[in-house]
Amino acid sequence: MEGDFEVPGLARLSAEDQLFVIAFVRHHGSIKKMEGLFEVSYPTIKNRLNAISAQLDRSFEAPSPNLRVLEQLERGEITVEEALKQMT
């Protein structure tokens, strides 16, 4: 298969970090439960979450506010003139 594919931020994490995030979600964000599960202290859990968050922040780009208009234009649903009006 060929083409340009965008990998979601979570998929860019290491397998170990992905498992950590899964465990965190499954335990409803309870740091106390994470402490017991991973047998580490509260600061260790917080540091790990901060490191994962920083990795996700680097991969997150907010969509352009004009993205919807540009997509409509690309599909031929609106004209260039209509797109310009909506974008200004």
N, C-alpha and C. Protein backbone atom coordinates (compact mmCIF):
# COMPACT_ATOMS: atom_id res chain seq x y z
N MET A 1 0.84 -1.15 0.00
CA MET A 1 0.00 0.00 0.00
C MET A 1 0.90 1.23 0.00
N GLU A 2 0.58 2.19 -0.83
CA GLU A 2 1.35 3.42 -0.92
C GLU A 2 0.46 4.61 -0.64
N GLY A 3 1.08 5.69 -0.19
CA GLY A 3 0.33 6.91 0.04
C GLY A 3 0.85 7.65 1.25
N ASP A 4 0.32 8.82 1.44
CA ASP A 4 0.66 9.62 2.60
C ASP A 4 -0.39 9.36 3.68
N PHE A 5 0.08 8.92 4.83
CA PHE A 5 -0.83 8.62 5.92
C PHE A 5 -0.39 9.39 7.16
N GLU A 6 -1.35 9.93 7.86
CA GLU A 6 -1.06 10.64 9.09
C GLU A 6 -1.30 9.69 10.26
N VAL A 7 -0.29 9.55 11.10
CA VAL A 7 -0.40 8.67 12.25
C VAL A 7 -0.89 9.50 13.44
N PRO A 8 -1.94 9.04 14.12
CA PRO A 8 -2.45 9.78 15.28
C PRO A 8 -1.40 9.89 16.38
N GLY A 9 -1.51 10.92 17.18
CA GLY A 9 -0.54 11.17 18.24
C GLY A 9 -0.34 9.99 19.18
N LEU A 10 -1.41 9.33 19.57
CA LEU A 10 -1.28 8.19 20.48
C LEU A 10 -0.48 7.06 19.85
N ALA A 11 -0.61 6.88 18.54
CA ALA A 11 0.13 5.82 17.85
C ALA A 11 1.62 6.13 17.76
N ARG A 12 1.98 7.39 17.93
CA ARG A 12 3.39 7.78 17.89
C ARG A 12 4.11 7.51 19.20
N LEU A 13 3.34 7.24 20.25
CA LEU A 13 3.94 6.92 21.54
C LEU A 13 4.57 5.54 21.49
N SER A 14 5.56 5.31 22.36
CA SER A 14 6.14 3.97 22.46
C SER A 14 5.05 3.00 22.94
N ALA A 15 5.28 1.72 22.70
CA ALA A 15 4.31 0.71 23.13
C ALA A 15 4.11 0.78 24.64
N GLU A 16 5.18 1.02 25.37
CA GLU A 16 5.10 1.12 26.83
C GLU A 16 4.24 2.31 27.26
N ASP A 17 4.42 3.45 26.60
CA ASP A 17 3.60 4.62 26.93
C ASP A 17 2.15 4.42 26.53
N GLN A 18 1.91 3.71 25.43
CA GLN A 18 0.54 3.43 25.02
C GLN A 18 -0.15 2.57 26.08
N LEU A 19 0.55 1.57 26.59
CA LEU A 19 -0.03 0.72 27.64
C LEU A 19 -0.31 1.53 28.91
N PHE A 20 0.57 2.47 29.22
CA PHE A 20 0.38 3.33 30.38
C PHE A 20 -0.89 4.16 30.21
N VAL A 21 -1.08 4.73 29.02
CA VAL A 21 -2.27 5.54 28.74
C VAL A 21 -3.53 4.68 28.82
N ILE A 22 -3.46 3.47 28.27
CA ILE A 22 -4.62 2.56 28.33
C ILE A 22 -4.97 2.26 29.78
N ALA A 23 -3.97 1.96 30.59
CA ALA A 23 -4.21 1.67 32.01
C ALA A 23 -4.81 2.89 32.70
N PHE A 24 -4.29 4.07 32.39
CA PHE A 24 -4.79 5.30 33.00
C PHE A 24 -6.26 5.52 32.66
N VAL A 25 -6.62 5.30 31.42
CA VAL A 25 -8.02 5.47 30.99
C VAL A 25 -8.90 4.41 31.64
N ARG A 26 -8.43 3.18 31.66
CA ARG A 26 -9.22 2.09 32.26
C ARG A 26 -9.47 2.32 33.75
N HIS A 27 -8.54 3.01 34.41
CA HIS A 27 -8.70 3.29 35.84
C HIS A 27 -9.27 4.69 36.06
N HIS A 28 -9.89 5.22 35.00
CA HIS A 28 -10.61 6.50 35.09
C HIS A 28 -9.74 7.64 35.61
N GLY A 29 -8.47 7.60 35.24
CA GLY A 29 -7.57 8.69 35.62
C GLY A 29 -7.17 8.70 37.09
N SER A 30 -7.35 7.60 37.77
CA SER A 30 -7.01 7.54 39.19
C SER A 30 -5.51 7.30 39.36
N ILE A 31 -4.83 8.33 39.82
CA ILE A 31 -3.39 8.20 40.05
C ILE A 31 -3.14 7.20 41.17
N LYS A 32 -4.01 7.18 42.16
CA LYS A 32 -3.86 6.23 43.27
C LYS A 32 -3.88 4.78 42.75
N LYS A 33 -4.80 4.47 41.84
CA LYS A 33 -4.85 3.12 41.28
C LYS A 33 -3.62 2.85 40.41
N MET A 34 -3.14 3.86 39.73
CA MET A 34 -1.94 3.71 38.89
C MET A 34 -0.72 3.42 39.76
N GLU A 35 -0.66 4.07 40.93
CA GLU A 35 0.44 3.82 41.87
C GLU A 35 0.49 2.34 42.24
N GLY A 36 -0.66 1.78 42.57
CA GLY A 36 -0.73 0.37 42.95
C GLY A 36 -0.43 -0.56 41.78
N LEU A 37 -0.97 -0.23 40.63
CA LEU A 37 -0.78 -1.07 39.45
C LEU A 37 0.68 -1.14 39.04
N PHE A 38 1.36 0.01 39.01
CA PHE A 38 2.74 0.06 38.55
C PHE A 38 3.75 0.01 39.70
N GLU A 39 3.23 -0.01 40.94
CA GLU A 39 4.06 -0.07 42.14
C GLU A 39 5.12 1.03 42.15
N VAL A 40 4.65 2.26 41.90
CA VAL A 40 5.52 3.44 41.92
C VAL A 40 4.80 4.55 42.69
N SER A 41 5.55 5.61 42.98
CA SER A 41 5.00 6.70 43.78
C SER A 41 4.17 7.67 42.93
N TYR A 42 3.41 8.50 43.64
CA TYR A 42 2.61 9.55 43.01
C TYR A 42 3.46 10.44 42.09
N PRO A 43 4.62 10.95 42.56
CA PRO A 43 5.42 11.82 41.67
C PRO A 43 5.89 11.09 40.41
N THR A 44 6.14 9.79 40.51
CA THR A 44 6.57 9.03 39.34
C THR A 44 5.45 8.96 38.31
N ILE A 45 4.23 8.73 38.78
CA ILE A 45 3.08 8.69 37.88
C ILE A 45 2.89 10.07 37.23
N LYS A 46 2.94 11.12 38.04
CA LYS A 46 2.77 12.48 37.52
C LYS A 46 3.85 12.82 36.49
N ASN A 47 5.08 12.46 36.77
CA ASN A 47 6.17 12.73 35.83
C ASN A 47 5.96 11.99 34.51
N ARG A 48 5.50 10.76 34.61
CA ARG A 48 5.25 9.96 33.40
C ARG A 48 4.11 10.58 32.59
N LEU A 49 3.05 10.99 33.27
CA LEU A 49 1.93 11.64 32.58
C LEU A 49 2.38 12.94 31.93
N ASN A 50 3.19 13.71 32.63
CA ASN A 50 3.69 14.97 32.06
C ASN A 50 4.55 14.71 30.82
N ALA A 51 5.38 13.69 30.86
CA ALA A 51 6.23 13.36 29.71
C ALA A 51 5.38 12.92 28.52
N ILE A 52 4.37 12.10 28.78
CA ILE A 52 3.48 11.65 27.70
C ILE A 52 2.70 12.84 27.15
N SER A 53 2.22 13.68 28.03
CA SER A 53 1.48 14.87 27.60
C SER A 53 2.34 15.76 26.71
N ALA A 54 3.60 15.93 27.07
CA ALA A 54 4.50 16.76 26.26
C ALA A 54 4.69 16.16 24.88
N GLN A 55 4.78 14.83 24.81
CA GLN A 55 4.91 14.17 23.50
C GLN A 55 3.66 14.39 22.65
N LEU A 56 2.50 14.29 23.29
CA LEU A 56 1.24 14.48 22.56
C LEU A 56 1.08 15.93 22.14
N ASP A 57 1.49 16.87 22.99
CA ASP A 57 1.40 18.29 22.64
C ASP A 57 2.20 18.61 21.40
N ARG A 58 3.37 17.98 21.26
CA ARG A 58 4.22 18.23 20.09
C ARG A 58 3.55 17.74 18.80
N SER A 59 2.74 16.69 18.91
CA SER A 59 2.13 16.11 17.71
C SER A 59 0.75 16.69 17.41
N PHE A 60 0.22 17.50 18.33
CA PHE A 60 -1.12 18.04 18.15
C PHE A 60 -1.07 19.37 17.43
N GLU A 61 -1.82 19.45 16.37
CA GLU A 61 -1.99 20.71 15.66
C GLU A 61 -3.48 20.97 15.53
N ALA A 62 -3.90 22.10 16.01
CA ALA A 62 -5.31 22.46 15.90
C ALA A 62 -5.64 22.70 14.43
N PRO A 63 -6.78 22.21 13.99
CA PRO A 63 -7.16 22.44 12.60
C PRO A 63 -7.40 23.92 12.34
N SER A 64 -7.11 24.30 11.12
CA SER A 64 -7.34 25.68 10.71
C SER A 64 -8.83 25.99 10.80
N PRO A 65 -9.18 27.20 11.25
CA PRO A 65 -10.61 27.54 11.30
C PRO A 65 -11.24 27.54 9.91
N ASN A 66 -10.43 27.65 8.89
CA ASN A 66 -10.95 27.68 7.52
C ASN A 66 -10.94 26.30 6.86
N LEU A 67 -10.53 25.28 7.60
CA LEU A 67 -10.41 23.94 7.02
C LEU A 67 -11.72 23.46 6.42
N ARG A 68 -12.82 23.64 7.14
CA ARG A 68 -14.12 23.18 6.64
C ARG A 68 -14.46 23.85 5.31
N VAL A 69 -14.20 25.15 5.21
CA VAL A 69 -14.48 25.89 3.98
C VAL A 69 -13.61 25.37 2.84
N LEU A 70 -12.34 25.15 3.12
CA LEU A 70 -11.43 24.65 2.09
C LEU A 70 -11.81 23.26 1.63
N GLU A 71 -12.28 22.44 2.55
CA GLU A 71 -12.73 21.09 2.18
C GLU A 71 -13.97 21.16 1.30
N GLN A 72 -14.90 22.06 1.63
CA GLN A 72 -16.09 22.23 0.79
C GLN A 72 -15.70 22.70 -0.61
N LEU A 73 -14.75 23.61 -0.67
CA LEU A 73 -14.27 24.10 -1.96
C LEU A 73 -13.64 22.98 -2.76
N GLU A 74 -12.83 22.18 -2.11
CA GLU A 74 -12.17 21.07 -2.79
C GLU A 74 -13.17 20.07 -3.36
N ARG A 75 -14.26 19.83 -2.63
CA ARG A 75 -15.29 18.90 -3.10
C ARG A 75 -16.22 19.51 -4.14
N GLY A 76 -16.05 20.80 -4.41
CA GLY A 76 -16.89 21.47 -5.39
C GLY A 76 -18.25 21.85 -4.86
N GLU A 77 -18.41 21.86 -3.55
CA GLU A 77 -19.69 22.19 -2.95
C GLU A 77 -19.94 23.69 -2.92
N ILE A 78 -18.87 24.49 -2.95
CA ILE A 78 -19.00 25.94 -2.96
C ILE A 78 -18.01 26.50 -3.99
N THR A 79 -18.26 27.71 -4.42
CA THR A 79 -17.38 28.37 -5.39
C THR A 79 -16.24 29.08 -4.65
N VAL A 80 -15.26 29.52 -5.40
CA VAL A 80 -14.15 30.28 -4.83
C VAL A 80 -14.68 31.55 -4.17
N GLU A 81 -15.61 32.21 -4.84
CA GLU A 81 -16.17 33.44 -4.29
C GLU A 81 -16.87 33.19 -2.95
N GLU A 82 -17.64 32.09 -2.88
CA GLU A 82 -18.32 31.75 -1.63
C GLU A 82 -17.30 31.42 -0.52
N ALA A 83 -16.26 30.73 -0.91
CA ALA A 83 -15.22 30.38 0.07
C ALA A 83 -14.55 31.65 0.61
N LEU A 84 -14.24 32.57 -0.28
CA LEU A 84 -13.60 33.83 0.16
C LEU A 84 -14.51 34.61 1.10
N LYS A 85 -15.80 34.64 0.81
CA LYS A 85 -16.74 35.33 1.68
C LYS A 85 -16.77 34.70 3.08
N GLN A 86 -16.77 33.38 3.12
CA GLN A 86 -16.86 32.68 4.39
C GLN A 86 -15.57 32.80 5.20
N MET A 87 -14.45 33.00 4.52
CA MET A 87 -13.16 33.05 5.19
C MET A 87 -12.79 34.46 5.66
N THR A 88 -13.53 35.45 5.24
CA THR A 88 -13.19 36.82 5.67
C THR A 88 -14.15 37.33 6.71
